[in-house]
């Protein structure tokens, strides 16, 4: 599956602003994933942003416009949200979502 390279470029730049360093990148799930300290932070699947926000923020963030459950395996993956391209169309919105991702991922031990 191809992924939106423009969204990948925007995500890469926004993560640099949030974290102060470029994240590692890996092709996973048929798309591109960004990792921080070895932990998956977010990714691009087709034209959507996959956001790892963690289980505590999940319900609140899932209620936002453009957010949907990630159900890769046929059942929702709690802590992972799929965002429609409209939800991250402007830089401020993308930066905010990536801030939620980074806030969760930095609570995890490095791999």
C-alpha atoms as a PDB file:
ATOM      1  CA  UNK A   1       0.000   0.000   0.000  1.00  0.00           C
ATOM      2  CA  UNK A   2       1.345   3.425  -0.891  1.00  0.00           C
ATOM      3  CA  UNK A   3       1.321   6.292   1.569  1.00  0.00           C
ATOM      4  CA  UNK A   4       0.941  10.042   1.165  1.00  0.00           C
ATOM      5  CA  UNK A   5       4.517  11.288   0.813  1.00  0.00           C
ATOM      6  CA  UNK A   6       3.455  14.916   1.353  1.00  0.00           C
ATOM      7  CA  UNK A   7       1.870  13.995   4.698  1.00  0.00           C
ATOM      8  CA  UNK A   8       5.003  11.993   5.536  1.00  0.00           C
ATOM      9  CA  UNK A   9       7.200  15.033   4.822  1.00  0.00           C
ATOM     10  CA  UNK A  10       4.946  17.310   6.886  1.00  0.00           C
ATOM     11  CA  UNK A  11       4.923  14.781   9.734  1.00  0.00           C
ATOM     12  CA  UNK A  12       8.706  14.445   9.660  1.00  0.00           C
ATOM     13  CA  UNK A  13       9.123  18.241   9.886  1.00  0.00           C
ATOM     14  CA  UNK A  14       6.503  18.583  12.624  1.00  0.00           C
ATOM     15  CA  UNK A  15       8.090  15.787  14.687  1.00  0.00           C
ATOM     16  CA  UNK A  16      11.417  17.537  14.413  1.00  0.00           C
ATOM     17  CA  UNK A  17       9.798  20.664  15.889  1.00  0.00           C
ATOM     18  CA  UNK A  18       8.096  18.678  18.688  1.00  0.00           C
ATOM     19  CA  UNK A  19      10.995  16.400  19.649  1.00  0.00           C
ATOM     20  CA  UNK A  20      14.046  18.411  18.625  1.00  0.00           C
ATOM     21  CA  UNK A  21      15.430  15.486  16.601  1.00  0.00           C
ATOM     22  CA  UNK A  22      14.462  13.516  13.544  1.00  0.00           C
ATOM     23  CA  UNK A  23      12.718  10.255  14.450  1.00  0.00           C
ATOM     24  CA  UNK A  24      13.666   6.875  13.036  1.00  0.00           C
ATOM     25  CA  UNK A  25      11.503   5.696  10.149  1.00  0.00           C
ATOM     26  CA  UNK A  26      10.386   2.198   9.185  1.00  0.00           C
ATOM     27  CA  UNK A  27       8.058   0.775   6.622  1.00  0.00           C
ATOM     28  CA  UNK A  28       5.368  -1.051   8.595  1.00  0.00           C
ATOM     29  CA  UNK A  29       1.707  -1.968   8.157  1.00  0.00           C
ATOM     30  CA  UNK A  30       1.972  -1.137   4.451  1.00  0.00           C
ATOM     31  CA  UNK A  31       2.878   2.454   5.254  1.00  0.00           C
ATOM     32  CA  UNK A  32       5.554   4.466   7.005  1.00  0.00           C
ATOM     33  CA  UNK A  33       6.017   4.589  10.788  1.00  0.00           C
ATOM     34  CA  UNK A  34       7.982   7.084  12.853  1.00  0.00           C
ATOM     35  CA  UNK A  35       9.750   5.801  15.965  1.00  0.00           C
ATOM     36  CA  UNK A  36      11.168   7.675  18.922  1.00  0.00           C
ATOM     37  CA  UNK A  37      13.664   5.827  21.114  1.00  0.00           C
ATOM     38  CA  UNK A  38      12.603   2.623  19.353  1.00  0.00           C
ATOM     39  CA  UNK A  39       8.885   3.068  20.139  1.00  0.00           C
ATOM     40  CA  UNK A  40       6.307   3.690  17.445  1.00  0.00           C
ATOM     41  CA  UNK A  41       4.988   7.244  17.723  1.00  0.00           C
ATOM     42  CA  UNK A  42       2.839   7.665  14.612  1.00  0.00           C
ATOM     43  CA  UNK A  43       2.618   6.621  11.006  1.00  0.00           C
ATOM     44  CA  UNK A  44       1.163   7.267   7.596  1.00  0.00           C
ATOM     45  CA  UNK A  45      -1.226   4.732   6.071  1.00  0.00           C
ATOM     46  CA  UNK A  46      -2.512   5.748   2.652  1.00  0.00           C
ATOM     47  CA  UNK A  47      -3.719   9.323   3.244  1.00  0.00           C
ATOM     48  CA  UNK A  48      -4.342   9.012   6.985  1.00  0.00           C
ATOM     49  CA  UNK A  49      -2.223   9.669  10.042  1.00  0.00           C
ATOM     50  CA  UNK A  50      -2.002   6.826  12.537  1.00  0.00           C
ATOM     51  CA  UNK A  51      -1.570   8.422  15.974  1.00  0.00           C
ATOM     52  CA  UNK A  52      -0.371   6.507  19.023  1.00  0.00           C
ATOM     53  CA  UNK A  53      -1.940   8.505  21.843  1.00  0.00           C
ATOM     54  CA  UNK A  54      -2.045   5.852  24.567  1.00  0.00           C
ATOM     55  CA  UNK A  55      -4.975   4.345  26.443  1.00  0.00           C
ATOM     56  CA  UNK A  56      -5.553   7.208  28.894  1.00  0.00           C
ATOM     57  CA  UNK A  57      -6.093   9.935  26.269  1.00  0.00           C
ATOM     58  CA  UNK A  58      -7.755   7.566  23.796  1.00  0.00           C
ATOM     59  CA  UNK A  59     -11.466   8.140  24.560  1.00  0.00           C
ATOM     60  CA  UNK A  60     -11.151  11.923  24.731  1.00  0.00           C
ATOM     61  CA  UNK A  61      -9.152  12.205  21.513  1.00  0.00           C
ATOM     62  CA  UNK A  62     -11.266   9.635  19.670  1.00  0.00           C
ATOM     63  CA  UNK A  63     -14.279  11.933  20.083  1.00  0.00           C
ATOM     64  CA  UNK A  64     -12.621  14.668  18.025  1.00  0.00           C
ATOM     65  CA  UNK A  65     -13.643  15.343  14.410  1.00  0.00           C
ATOM     66  CA  UNK A  66     -11.801  13.203  11.867  1.00  0.00           C
ATOM     67  CA  UNK A  67     -10.663  10.637  14.457  1.00  0.00           C
ATOM     68  CA  UNK A  68     -11.570   6.944  14.179  1.00  0.00           C
ATOM     69  CA  UNK A  69     -10.599   3.688  15.833  1.00  0.00           C
ATOM     70  CA  UNK A  70      -7.697   1.818  14.343  1.00  0.00           C
ATOM     71  CA  UNK A  71      -8.939  -1.694  13.663  1.00  0.00           C
ATOM     72  CA  UNK A  72      -6.223  -3.325  11.622  1.00  0.00           C
ATOM     73  CA  UNK A  73      -7.013  -6.788  12.932  1.00  0.00           C
ATOM     74  CA  UNK A  74     -10.800  -6.430  12.920  1.00  0.00           C
ATOM     75  CA  UNK A  75     -10.931  -5.139  16.474  1.00  0.00           C
ATOM     76  CA  UNK A  76     -10.004  -1.687  17.765  1.00  0.00           C
ATOM     77  CA  UNK A  77      -6.475  -1.127  19.004  1.00  0.00           C
ATOM     78  CA  UNK A  78      -6.949   0.955  22.145  1.00  0.00           C
ATOM     79  CA  UNK A  79      -4.475   3.819  22.225  1.00  0.00           C
ATOM     80  CA  UNK A  80      -4.190   4.046  18.420  1.00  0.00           C
ATOM     81  CA  UNK A  81      -6.283   6.510  16.401  1.00  0.00           C
ATOM     82  CA  UNK A  82      -6.621   6.919  12.652  1.00  0.00           C
ATOM     83  CA  UNK A  83      -7.012  10.522  11.493  1.00  0.00           C
ATOM     84  CA  UNK A  84      -8.598  11.519   8.240  1.00  0.00           C
ATOM     85  CA  UNK A  85      -6.500  13.904   6.152  1.00  0.00           C
ATOM     86  CA  UNK A  86      -8.885  16.811   6.929  1.00  0.00           C
ATOM     87  CA  UNK A  87      -8.105  16.458  10.664  1.00  0.00           C
ATOM     88  CA  UNK A  88      -4.411  17.215  10.019  1.00  0.00           C
ATOM     89  CA  UNK A  89      -4.745  19.437   6.958  1.00  0.00           C
ATOM     90  CA  UNK A  90      -3.188  22.491   8.578  1.00  0.00           C
ATOM     91  CA  UNK A  91       0.145  22.620  10.351  1.00  0.00           C
ATOM     92  CA  UNK A  92      -1.261  23.615  13.748  1.00  0.00           C
ATOM     93  CA  UNK A  93      -3.617  20.626  13.798  1.00  0.00           C
ATOM     94  CA  UNK A  94      -0.848  18.237  12.741  1.00  0.00           C
ATOM     95  CA  UNK A  95       1.478  19.686  15.370  1.00  0.00           C
ATOM     96  CA  UNK A  96      -1.176  19.287  18.077  1.00  0.00           C
ATOM     97  CA  UNK A  97      -1.853  15.630  17.223  1.00  0.00           C
ATOM     98  CA  UNK A  98       1.851  14.837  17.101  1.00  0.00           C
ATOM     99  CA  UNK A  99       2.235  16.533  20.465  1.00  0.00           C
ATOM    100  CA  UNK A 100      -0.257  14.005  21.896  1.00  0.00           C
ATOM    101  CA  UNK A 101       1.699  11.167  20.297  1.00  0.00           C
ATOM    102  CA  UNK A 102       5.022  12.387  21.648  1.00  0.00           C
ATOM    103  CA  UNK A 103       3.553  12.984  25.122  1.00  0.00           C
ATOM    104  CA  UNK A 104       2.563   9.312  25.277  1.00  0.00           C
ATOM    105  CA  UNK A 105       5.667   7.828  23.673  1.00  0.00           C
ATOM    106  CA  UNK A 106       8.052   9.658  25.973  1.00  0.00           C
ATOM    107  CA  UNK A 107       6.421   7.806  28.924  1.00  0.00           C
ATOM    108  CA  UNK A 108       7.679   4.512  27.466  1.00  0.00           C
ATOM    109  CA  UNK A 109      11.119   3.080  28.175  1.00  0.00           C
ATOM    110  CA  UNK A 110      13.544   3.187  25.235  1.00  0.00           C
ATOM    111  CA  UNK A 111      13.906  -0.016  23.242  1.00  0.00           C
END
